[in-house]
Amino acid sequence: TTTTTTTTTQQPQKWSWEKRLEWILETIVHANADVVCLQEVEYESYHTDLLPAMQRHGYEGVVQGGHGVRDIQRRKAKAERAHVVATFWKTSRFQPVAII
């Protein structure tokens, strides 16, 4: 079995989303950060990919962006990308006081 080590010199922006997601998660888990903020996250990817993956690693998260869910739905309806900012925190270290 051959093992390939991923490095940033391999231009992750050209990888498939699945490969980039794997690389992003490996980087986050390796950093062992208490709080993680990601920008330009696609709204759908947050819910279907990032949040479930981060929860498996002991994080919880929220998104901020646009002018709420209606704005995101409007942008999606116009075939525009619905980018948001995603914030994750380790549930073992933090408890949200309020999520607005």
Protein backbone atom coordinates (compact mmCIF):
# COMPACT_ATOMS: atom_id res chain seq x y z
CA THR A 1 0.00 0.00 0.00
CA THR A 2 1.30 3.42 -0.97
CA THR A 3 0.64 6.41 1.27
CA THR A 4 0.52 9.89 -0.22
CA THR A 5 1.19 12.88 1.99
CA THR A 6 -0.83 15.97 1.14
CA THR A 7 1.02 19.26 1.05
CA THR A 8 -0.05 22.76 0.15
CA THR A 9 2.36 22.69 -2.82
CA GLN A 10 -0.10 20.35 -4.54
CA GLN A 11 -2.55 23.24 -5.15
CA PRO A 12 -5.59 22.20 -3.08
CA GLN A 13 -7.80 24.72 -4.92
CA LYS A 14 -7.66 22.40 -7.97
CA TRP A 15 -8.79 19.31 -6.05
CA SER A 16 -12.31 17.92 -5.97
CA TRP A 17 -14.48 19.17 -3.11
CA GLU A 18 -14.20 15.78 -1.35
CA LYS A 19 -10.40 15.92 -1.42
CA ARG A 20 -10.35 19.57 -0.27
CA LEU A 21 -12.77 18.78 2.57
CA GLU A 22 -10.53 15.93 3.72
CA TRP A 23 -7.50 18.25 3.64
CA ILE A 24 -9.34 21.04 5.49
CA LEU A 25 -10.48 18.64 8.21
CA GLU A 26 -7.00 17.11 8.58
CA THR A 27 -5.55 20.60 8.95
CA ILE A 28 -8.13 21.64 11.57
CA VAL A 29 -7.84 18.43 13.58
CA HIS A 30 -4.04 18.63 13.50
CA ALA A 31 -4.14 22.26 14.72
CA ASN A 32 -6.35 21.21 17.64
CA ALA A 33 -7.87 24.70 17.75
CA ASP A 34 -10.56 25.59 20.28
CA VAL A 35 -12.25 27.98 17.82
CA VAL A 36 -12.21 27.74 14.03
CA CYS A 37 -13.50 30.42 11.63
CA LEU A 38 -13.86 29.75 7.91
CA GLN A 39 -14.85 32.33 5.32
CA GLU A 40 -16.41 31.90 1.88
CA VAL A 41 -18.13 28.67 2.89
CA GLU A 42 -20.95 27.62 0.61
CA TYR A 43 -24.15 27.49 2.65
CA GLU A 44 -25.13 24.02 1.40
CA SER A 45 -21.66 22.60 2.06
CA TYR A 46 -21.78 23.89 5.62
CA HIS A 47 -24.94 21.89 6.38
CA THR A 48 -24.20 18.77 4.36
CA ASP A 49 -20.44 18.41 4.79
CA LEU A 50 -18.67 20.72 7.23
CA LEU A 51 -21.01 20.74 10.23
CA PRO A 52 -21.49 16.94 10.40
CA ALA A 53 -17.72 16.38 9.94
CA MET A 54 -16.81 18.96 12.58
CA GLN A 55 -19.37 17.49 15.00
CA ARG A 56 -17.65 14.10 14.63
CA HIS A 57 -14.47 15.82 15.84
CA GLY A 58 -16.11 17.42 18.89
CA TYR A 59 -17.09 20.81 17.45
CA GLU A 60 -20.37 22.66 17.12
CA GLY A 61 -20.93 25.54 14.73
CA VAL A 62 -23.00 28.37 13.34
CA VAL A 63 -23.00 30.38 10.13
CA GLN A 64 -23.19 34.12 9.57
CA GLY A 65 -23.59 35.82 6.25
CA GLY A 66 -25.74 37.80 3.91
CA HIS A 67 -28.92 39.14 5.37
CA GLY A 68 -30.20 35.88 6.80
CA VAL A 69 -31.62 32.71 5.35
CA ARG A 70 -33.95 34.58 2.96
CA ASP A 71 -30.98 36.34 1.37
CA ILE A 72 -29.19 33.03 0.98
CA GLN A 73 -32.28 31.48 -0.62
CA ARG A 74 -32.61 34.49 -2.96
CA ARG A 75 -28.98 34.19 -4.06
CA LYS A 76 -29.34 30.45 -4.63
CA ALA A 77 -32.51 31.01 -6.68
CA LYS A 78 -30.52 33.38 -8.92
CA ALA A 79 -27.80 30.70 -9.29
CA GLU A 80 -25.43 32.86 -7.26
CA ARG A 81 -23.11 31.29 -4.75
CA ALA A 82 -24.39 31.62 -1.22
CA HIS A 83 -21.21 32.13 0.78
CA VAL A 84 -21.25 32.48 4.54
CA VAL A 85 -18.78 32.62 7.40
CA ALA A 86 -18.71 29.48 9.55
CA THR A 87 -17.59 29.53 13.17
CA PHE A 88 -16.93 26.29 15.07
CA TRP A 89 -15.98 25.74 18.70
CA LYS A 90 -14.96 22.74 20.75
CA THR A 91 -17.91 21.63 22.81
CA SER A 92 -15.53 20.38 25.49
CA ARG A 93 -14.25 23.96 26.00
CA PHE A 94 -17.17 26.28 25.24
CA GLN A 95 -20.93 26.49 25.59
CA PRO A 96 -22.82 29.12 23.62
CA VAL A 97 -24.58 31.73 25.70
CA ALA A 98 -26.73 32.86 22.78
CA ILE A 99 -26.71 32.28 19.05
CA ILE A 100 -28.18 35.18 17.13
